[in-house]
Amino acid sequence: MPFYVYLKWSSPTNIHRADYESRYAADEFFRALQELDDRHGKPRFTLLKRSSAQFWCYDTAEGDPWWLIVRILRDNAIPEANFKIMSTILQDAAGDGRPWHFIKPVDGPDWTNGSTFFIRNKRQPNLYWSVSEVTPDATIVISDTQNSKFRISGVDRDPKDREKVLIRGDRVTISPASSETGPKALFIGPSKCETDIVVVGNVSAEPLTCNKVDGDEWELC
């Protein structure tokens, strides 16, 4: 399903919209922009932040135009984004505008590193991951009456670095937010389906889990 993002330059004007093939492609493009350097090894953006998953703000280094993101696409500076994104200028530096179409916002939080989320079943959204209070070792159960928040962090990233968005290619750790006083990281993906509920696959923002009976997909909310 297409995913839409507003991109605003640091000035009061200059806004454009990017249409992505999916939310995952949008997050992967944002990560690539964060890591993009100029020929001198300096970041192409002096500011790049997400007010939300669908509203990004940025500023460009001296010598780069306000429409730098359009130039990056035109120059194919991020080849993996080719055929996954198109951009439309909504309001330019002269204040000239084009018709705006309302973007329906997505539900749920932004998928940023070190944040906490509920994890629910995609097919049966009444089913959630929950930390069982019956045993002392934080057993995970699936429940339609209780849910627990889990902190998800990139394996190679500082959990306090909340500026990084998680993407599908990240390896992550998942731990109950309620157990942060002790070392109780429950999962490190990828893994094999050895217990009732484990994280499998090289995934993060779309955690894919399975059980011994059949596969299920889960989402962050």
C-alpha atoms as a PDB file:
ATOM      1  CA  MET A   1       0.000   0.000   0.000  1.00  0.00           C
ATOM      2  CA  PRO A   2       1.456   3.454  -0.900  1.00  0.00           C
ATOM      3  CA  PHE A   3       2.751   5.520   2.001  1.00  0.00           C
ATOM      4  CA  TYR A   4       2.851   9.309   1.903  1.00  0.00           C
ATOM      5  CA  VAL A   5       5.197  11.739   3.663  1.00  0.00           C
ATOM      6  CA  TYR A   6       5.289  15.537   3.879  1.00  0.00           C
ATOM      7  CA  LEU A   7       8.802  16.986   3.725  1.00  0.00           C
ATOM      8  CA  LYS A   8       9.325  20.553   4.957  1.00  0.00           C
ATOM      9  CA  TRP A   9      12.445  22.650   4.529  1.00  0.00           C
ATOM     10  CA  SER A  10      13.570  24.865   7.426  1.00  0.00           C
ATOM     11  CA  SER A  11      11.981  27.971   5.888  1.00  0.00           C
ATOM     12  CA  PRO A  12       8.270  28.725   6.362  1.00  0.00           C
ATOM     13  CA  THR A  13       7.608  27.758   2.732  1.00  0.00           C
ATOM     14  CA  ASN A  14       9.063  25.021   0.521  1.00  0.00           C
ATOM     15  CA  ILE A  15       7.083  21.845   1.102  1.00  0.00           C
ATOM     16  CA  HIS A  16       6.865  18.748  -0.995  1.00  0.00           C
ATOM     17  CA  ARG A  17       5.350  15.303  -0.726  1.00  0.00           C
ATOM     18  CA  ALA A  18       6.967  11.948  -1.307  1.00  0.00           C
ATOM     19  CA  ASP A  19       5.001   8.863  -2.283  1.00  0.00           C
ATOM     20  CA  TYR A  20       6.611   5.538  -1.347  1.00  0.00           C
ATOM     21  CA  GLU A  21       5.692   1.997  -2.268  1.00  0.00           C
ATOM     22  CA  SER A  22       5.337   1.183   1.452  1.00  0.00           C
ATOM     23  CA  ARG A  23       6.100   2.498   4.916  1.00  0.00           C
ATOM     24  CA  TYR A  24       9.134   0.218   5.021  1.00  0.00           C
ATOM     25  CA  ALA A  25      10.544   1.821   1.855  1.00  0.00           C
ATOM     26  CA  ALA A  26       9.997   5.285   3.365  1.00  0.00           C
ATOM     27  CA  ASP A  27      11.905   4.381   6.534  1.00  0.00           C
ATOM     28  CA  GLU A  28      14.740   2.833   4.513  1.00  0.00           C
ATOM     29  CA  PHE A  29      14.987   6.020   2.438  1.00  0.00           C
ATOM     30  CA  PHE A  30      15.088   8.161   5.594  1.00  0.00           C
ATOM     31  CA  ARG A  31      17.912   6.026   7.013  1.00  0.00           C
ATOM     32  CA  ALA A  32      19.823   6.382   3.723  1.00  0.00           C
ATOM     33  CA  LEU A  33      19.398  10.183   3.868  1.00  0.00           C
ATOM     34  CA  GLN A  34      20.779  10.203   7.426  1.00  0.00           C
ATOM     35  CA  GLU A  35      23.905   8.401   6.240  1.00  0.00           C
ATOM     36  CA  LEU A  36      24.403  10.340   2.993  1.00  0.00           C
ATOM     37  CA  ASP A  37      27.631  12.401   2.795  1.00  0.00           C
ATOM     38  CA  ASP A  38      28.918  14.885   0.241  1.00  0.00           C
ATOM     39  CA  ARG A  39      32.212  14.483  -1.625  1.00  0.00           C
ATOM     40  CA  HIS A  40      34.062  15.978   1.364  1.00  0.00           C
ATOM     41  CA  GLY A  41      32.664  13.358   3.740  1.00  0.00           C
ATOM     42  CA  LYS A  42      30.266  15.749   5.456  1.00  0.00           C
ATOM     43  CA  PRO A  43      26.517  15.088   5.907  1.00  0.00           C
ATOM     44  CA  ARG A  44      24.366  16.362   3.045  1.00  0.00           C
ATOM     45  CA  PHE A  45      21.798  17.593   5.573  1.00  0.00           C
ATOM     46  CA  THR A  46      22.488  19.948   8.478  1.00  0.00           C
ATOM     47  CA  LEU A  47      19.076  18.989   9.887  1.00  0.00           C
ATOM     48  CA  LEU A  48      17.034  15.869   9.282  1.00  0.00           C
ATOM     49  CA  LYS A  49      14.394  14.925  11.821  1.00  0.00           C
ATOM     50  CA  ARG A  50      11.021  13.241  11.986  1.00  0.00           C
ATOM     51  CA  SER A  51       8.185  15.037  13.727  1.00  0.00           C
ATOM     52  CA  SER A  52       6.280  11.862  12.923  1.00  0.00           C
ATOM     53  CA  ALA A  53       6.500   8.955  10.513  1.00  0.00           C
ATOM     54  CA  GLN A  54       4.733  11.110   7.905  1.00  0.00           C
ATOM     55  CA  PHE A  55       6.193  14.575   8.598  1.00  0.00           C
ATOM     56  CA  TRP A  56       9.926  15.135   8.099  1.00  0.00           C
ATOM     57  CA  CYS A  57      11.843  18.395   8.500  1.00  0.00           C
ATOM     58  CA  TYR A  58      15.237  19.116   6.980  1.00  0.00           C
ATOM     59  CA  ASP A  59      17.821  21.762   6.162  1.00  0.00           C
ATOM     60  CA  THR A  60      20.578  21.625   3.581  1.00  0.00           C
ATOM     61  CA  ALA A  61      24.266  22.448   3.740  1.00  0.00           C
ATOM     62  CA  GLU A  62      25.573  25.615   2.111  1.00  0.00           C
ATOM     63  CA  GLY A  63      25.597  25.264  -1.649  1.00  0.00           C
ATOM     64  CA  ASP A  64      22.782  22.708  -1.771  1.00  0.00           C
ATOM     65  CA  PRO A  65      19.285  23.779  -2.885  1.00  0.00           C
ATOM     66  CA  TRP A  66      16.161  23.455  -0.762  1.00  0.00           C
ATOM     67  CA  TRP A  67      14.960  20.791  -3.184  1.00  0.00           C
ATOM     68  CA  LEU A  68      18.004  18.617  -2.431  1.00  0.00           C
ATOM     69  CA  ILE A  69      15.887  15.510  -1.914  1.00  0.00           C
ATOM     70  CA  VAL A  70      14.544  15.891  -5.450  1.00  0.00           C
ATOM     71  CA  ARG A  71      18.127  16.253  -6.717  1.00  0.00           C
ATOM     72  CA  ILE A  72      19.161  13.126  -4.822  1.00  0.00           C
ATOM     73  CA  LEU A  73      16.411  11.204  -6.593  1.00  0.00           C
ATOM     74  CA  ARG A  74      17.263  12.724  -9.974  1.00  0.00           C
ATOM     75  CA  ASP A  75      20.962  11.894  -9.563  1.00  0.00           C
ATOM     76  CA  ASN A  76      20.137   8.374  -8.336  1.00  0.00           C
ATOM     77  CA  ALA A  77      22.344   9.012  -5.282  1.00  0.00           C
ATOM     78  CA  ILE A  78      20.454   6.277  -3.408  1.00  0.00           C
ATOM     79  CA  PRO A  79      20.066   3.551  -6.057  1.00  0.00           C
ATOM     80  CA  GLU A  80      18.101   1.222  -3.793  1.00  0.00           C
ATOM     81  CA  ALA A  81      15.312   3.829  -3.675  1.00  0.00           C
ATOM     82  CA  ASN A  82      14.871   3.734  -7.442  1.00  0.00           C
ATOM     83  CA  PHE A  83      11.346   2.642  -8.464  1.00  0.00           C
ATOM     84  CA  LYS A  84      10.197   2.961  -4.815  1.00  0.00           C
ATOM     85  CA  ILE A  85       9.584   6.708  -4.469  1.00  0.00           C
ATOM     86  CA  MET A  86       8.325   9.731  -6.364  1.00  0.00           C
ATOM     87  CA  SER A  87       8.259  13.329  -5.166  1.00  0.00           C
ATOM     88  CA  THR A  88       5.903  16.242  -5.826  1.00  0.00           C
ATOM     89  CA  ILE A  89       6.666  19.879  -4.929  1.00  0.00           C
ATOM     90  CA  LEU A  90       3.650  21.364  -3.154  1.00  0.00           C
ATOM     91  CA  GLN A  91       4.975  24.854  -2.472  1.00  0.00           C
ATOM     92  CA  ASP A  92       8.192  26.348  -3.848  1.00  0.00           C
ATOM     93  CA  ALA A  93      10.535  29.122  -2.714  1.00  0.00           C
ATOM     94  CA  ALA A  94       8.425  31.774  -4.444  1.00  0.00           C
ATOM     95  CA  GLY A  95       5.373  30.685  -2.487  1.00  0.00           C
ATOM     96  CA  ASP A  96       3.656  29.231  -5.516  1.00  0.00           C
ATOM     97  CA  GLY A  97       1.540  26.277  -4.507  1.00  0.00           C
ATOM     98  CA  ARG A  98      -0.127  23.299  -6.078  1.00  0.00           C
ATOM     99  CA  PRO A  99      -3.287  21.457  -5.083  1.00  0.00           C
ATOM    100  CA  TRP A 100      -2.837  19.543  -1.830  1.00  0.00           C
ATOM    101  CA  HIS A 101      -4.470  16.223  -1.233  1.00  0.00           C
ATOM    102  CA  PHE A 102      -5.188  15.160   2.314  1.00  0.00           C
ATOM    103  CA  ILE A 103      -2.927  12.376   3.530  1.00  0.00           C
ATOM    104  CA  LYS A 104      -4.652   9.931   5.813  1.00  0.00           C
ATOM    105  CA  PRO A 105      -2.337   9.438   8.824  1.00  0.00           C
ATOM    106  CA  VAL A 106      -1.246   5.962   9.813  1.00  0.00           C
ATOM    107  CA  ASP A 107      -2.114   4.625  13.236  1.00  0.00           C
ATOM    108  CA  GLY A 108       0.532   3.891  15.834  1.00  0.00           C
ATOM    109  CA  PRO A 109       3.903   5.286  16.887  1.00  0.00           C
ATOM    110  CA  ASP A 110       6.978   6.002  14.826  1.00  0.00           C
ATOM    111  CA  TRP A 111       9.367   3.029  14.579  1.00  0.00           C
ATOM    112  CA  THR A 112      12.456   4.588  16.146  1.00  0.00           C
ATOM    113  CA  ASN A 113      15.354   2.884  17.882  1.00  0.00           C
ATOM    114  CA  GLY A 114      15.019   2.264  21.618  1.00  0.00           C
ATOM    115  CA  SER A 115      11.308   3.075  21.782  1.00  0.00           C
ATOM    116  CA  THR A 116       8.642   0.958  23.469  1.00  0.00           C
ATOM    117  CA  PHE A 117       5.752  -0.701  21.668  1.00  0.00           C
ATOM    118  CA  PHE A 118       2.888  -3.110  22.074  1.00  0.00           C
ATOM    119  CA  ILE A 119       3.115  -6.115  19.743  1.00  0.00           C
ATOM    120  CA  ARG A 120      -0.132  -7.417  18.275  1.00  0.00           C
ATOM    121  CA  ASN A 121      -1.226 -10.023  15.769  1.00  0.00           C
ATOM    122  CA  LYS A 122      -1.837  -8.679  12.248  1.00  0.00           C
ATOM    123  CA  ARG A 123      -4.651 -11.123  11.469  1.00  0.00           C
ATOM    124  CA  GLN A 124      -6.250 -11.041  14.927  1.00  0.00           C
ATOM    125  CA  PRO A 125      -5.539  -7.555  16.355  1.00  0.00           C
ATOM    126  CA  ASN A 126      -7.099  -8.483  19.697  1.00  0.00           C
ATOM    127  CA  LEU A 127      -4.108 -10.761  20.424  1.00  0.00           C
ATOM    128  CA  TYR A 128      -1.061  -9.171  22.077  1.00  0.00           C
ATOM    129  CA  TRP A 129       2.301 -10.212  23.493  1.00  0.00           C
ATOM    130  CA  SER A 130       2.141 -10.103  27.271  1.00  0.00           C
ATOM    131  CA  VAL A 131       4.696 -10.762  30.009  1.00  0.00           C
ATOM    132  CA  SER A 132       3.383 -13.454  32.313  1.00  0.00           C
ATOM    133  CA  GLU A 133       3.493 -12.559  35.997  1.00  0.00           C
ATOM    134  CA  VAL A 134       3.133 -16.197  37.028  1.00  0.00           C
ATOM    135  CA  THR A 135       6.808 -17.102  36.581  1.00  0.00           C
ATOM    136  CA  PRO A 136       9.809 -15.033  37.716  1.00  0.00           C
ATOM    137  CA  ASP A 137      11.687 -15.255  34.398  1.00  0.00           C
ATOM    138  CA  ALA A 138       9.451 -13.053  32.221  1.00  0.00           C
ATOM    139  CA  THR A 139       7.715 -15.672  30.093  1.00  0.00           C
ATOM    140  CA  ILE A 140       5.958 -14.312  27.013  1.00  0.00           C
ATOM    141  CA  VAL A 141       2.340 -15.366  26.420  1.00  0.00           C
ATOM    142  CA  ILE A 142      -0.262 -14.402  23.843  1.00  0.00           C
ATOM    143  CA  SER A 143      -3.309 -12.796  25.417  1.00  0.00           C
ATOM    144  CA  ASP A 144      -6.576 -11.167  24.393  1.00  0.00           C
ATOM    145  CA  THR A 145      -7.041  -9.573  27.826  1.00  0.00           C
ATOM    146  CA  GLN A 146      -3.559  -8.251  28.722  1.00  0.00           C
ATOM    147  CA  ASN A 147      -0.647  -6.645  26.913  1.00  0.00           C
ATOM    148  CA  SER A 148       2.844  -5.447  27.764  1.00  0.00           C
ATOM    149  CA  LYS A 149       5.168  -2.905  26.247  1.00  0.00           C
ATOM    150  CA  PHE A 150       8.525  -4.003  24.838  1.00  0.00           C
ATOM    151  CA  ARG A 151      11.612  -1.964  24.112  1.00  0.00           C
ATOM    152  CA  ILE A 152      13.075  -2.639  20.665  1.00  0.00           C
ATOM    153  CA  SER A 153      16.638  -1.558  19.883  1.00  0.00           C
ATOM    154  CA  GLY A 154      19.076  -2.196  17.078  1.00  0.00           C
ATOM    155  CA  VAL A 155      21.738  -4.723  18.106  1.00  0.00           C
ATOM    156  CA  ASP A 156      24.519  -2.370  16.973  1.00  0.00           C
ATOM    157  CA  ARG A 157      22.912   0.859  18.184  1.00  0.00           C
ATOM    158  CA  ASP A 158      22.763   2.741  21.448  1.00  0.00           C
ATOM    159  CA  PRO A 159      19.214   2.318  22.854  1.00  0.00           C
ATOM    160  CA  LYS A 160      19.306   6.024  23.762  1.00  0.00           C
ATOM    161  CA  ASP A 161      19.805   7.047  20.115  1.00  0.00           C
ATOM    162  CA  ARG A 162      16.165   7.806  19.347  1.00  0.00           C
ATOM    163  CA  GLU A 163      16.987   9.674  16.120  1.00  0.00           C
ATOM    164  CA  LYS A 164      17.568   6.456  14.171  1.00  0.00           C
ATOM    165  CA  VAL A 165      14.581   4.827  12.538  1.00  0.00           C
ATOM    166  CA  LEU A 166      14.451   1.030  12.554  1.00  0.00           C
ATOM    167  CA  ILE A 167      14.250  -0.676   9.172  1.00  0.00           C
ATOM    168  CA  ARG A 168      13.595  -4.212   7.965  1.00  0.00           C
ATOM    169  CA  GLY A 169      17.272  -5.113   7.602  1.00  0.00           C
ATOM    170  CA  ASP A 170      18.154  -4.379  11.258  1.00  0.00           C
ATOM    171  CA  ARG A 171      18.911  -7.068  13.805  1.00  0.00           C
ATOM    172  CA  VAL A 172      17.173  -6.102  17.015  1.00  0.00           C
ATOM    173  CA  THR A 173      16.765  -7.002  20.649  1.00  0.00           C
ATOM    174  CA  ILE A 174      13.316  -7.104  22.222  1.00  0.00           C
ATOM    175  CA  SER A 175      12.934  -6.851  25.988  1.00  0.00           C
ATOM    176  CA  PRO A 176      10.012  -6.081  28.317  1.00  0.00           C
ATOM    177  CA  ALA A 177       9.929  -2.417  29.247  1.00  0.00           C
ATOM    178  CA  SER A 178       8.904  -3.446  32.763  1.00  0.00           C
ATOM    179  CA  SER A 179      12.119  -5.425  33.366  1.00  0.00           C
ATOM    180  CA  GLU A 180      14.694  -2.752  32.582  1.00  0.00           C
ATOM    181  CA  THR A 181      16.214  -2.913  36.062  1.00  0.00           C
ATOM    182  CA  GLY A 182      17.690  -6.306  35.167  1.00  0.00           C
ATOM    183  CA  PRO A 183      19.321  -7.992  32.152  1.00  0.00           C
ATOM    184  CA  LYS A 184      16.269  -9.636  30.611  1.00  0.00           C
ATOM    185  CA  ALA A 185      16.675  -9.268  26.865  1.00  0.00           C
ATOM    186  CA  LEU A 186      14.323 -11.973  25.648  1.00  0.00           C
ATOM    187  CA  PHE A 187      15.037 -12.132  21.938  1.00  0.00           C
ATOM    188  CA  ILE A 188      17.857 -11.415  19.533  1.00  0.00           C
ATOM    189  CA  GLY A 189      16.833 -11.967  15.911  1.00  0.00           C
ATOM    190  CA  PRO A 190      17.309 -13.754  13.671  1.00  0.00           C
ATOM    191  CA  SER A 191      16.566 -16.999  15.459  1.00  0.00           C
ATOM    192  CA  LYS A 192      15.037 -20.410  14.813  1.00  0.00           C
ATOM    193  CA  CYS A 193      11.573 -21.395  15.909  1.00  0.00           C
ATOM    194  CA  GLU A 194      12.687 -23.338  18.968  1.00  0.00           C
ATOM    195  CA  THR A 195      10.104 -22.163  21.493  1.00  0.00           C
ATOM    196  CA  ASP A 196       6.446 -21.242  21.368  1.00  0.00           C
ATOM    197  CA  ILE A 197       7.094 -17.606  20.469  1.00  0.00           C
ATOM    198  CA  VAL A 198      10.392 -16.327  19.073  1.00  0.00           C
ATOM    199  CA  VAL A 199      11.508 -13.624  16.691  1.00  0.00           C
ATOM    200  CA  VAL A 200      12.687 -14.982  13.366  1.00  0.00           C
ATOM    201  CA  GLY A 201      14.028 -13.391  10.206  1.00  0.00           C
ATOM    202  CA  ASN A 202      16.271 -10.373   9.715  1.00  0.00           C
ATOM    203  CA  VAL A 203      13.551  -7.950  10.706  1.00  0.00           C
ATOM    204  CA  SER A 204      12.785  -5.115  13.060  1.00  0.00           C
ATOM    205  CA  ALA A 205      10.016  -2.705  12.204  1.00  0.00           C
ATOM    206  CA  GLU A 206       7.864  -5.583  11.021  1.00  0.00           C
ATOM    207  CA  PRO A 207       8.633  -8.268  13.628  1.00  0.00           C
ATOM    208  CA  LEU A 208       7.822 -11.674  12.211  1.00  0.00           C
ATOM    209  CA  THR A 209       7.171 -14.371  14.777  1.00  0.00           C
ATOM    210  CA  CYS A 210       6.130 -17.979  14.608  1.00  0.00           C
ATOM    211  CA  ASN A 211       5.036 -20.843  16.808  1.00  0.00           C
ATOM    212  CA  LYS A 212       5.366 -24.605  16.491  1.00  0.00           C
ATOM    213  CA  VAL A 213       1.958 -24.963  14.882  1.00  0.00           C
ATOM    214  CA  ASP A 214       1.959 -22.398  12.105  1.00  0.00           C
ATOM    215  CA  GLY A 215       3.373 -19.003  11.246  1.00  0.00           C
ATOM    216  CA  ASP A 216       1.944 -15.640  12.294  1.00  0.00           C
ATOM    217  CA  GLU A 217       2.860 -12.052  11.607  1.00  0.00           C
ATOM    218  CA  TRP A 218       2.958  -9.388  14.301  1.00  0.00           C
ATOM    219  CA  GLU A 219       3.121  -5.602  14.189  1.00  0.00           C
ATOM    220  CA  LEU A 220       4.198  -2.741  16.436  1.00  0.00           C
ATOM    221  CA  CYS A 221       1.545  -0.438  17.837  1.00  0.00           C
END
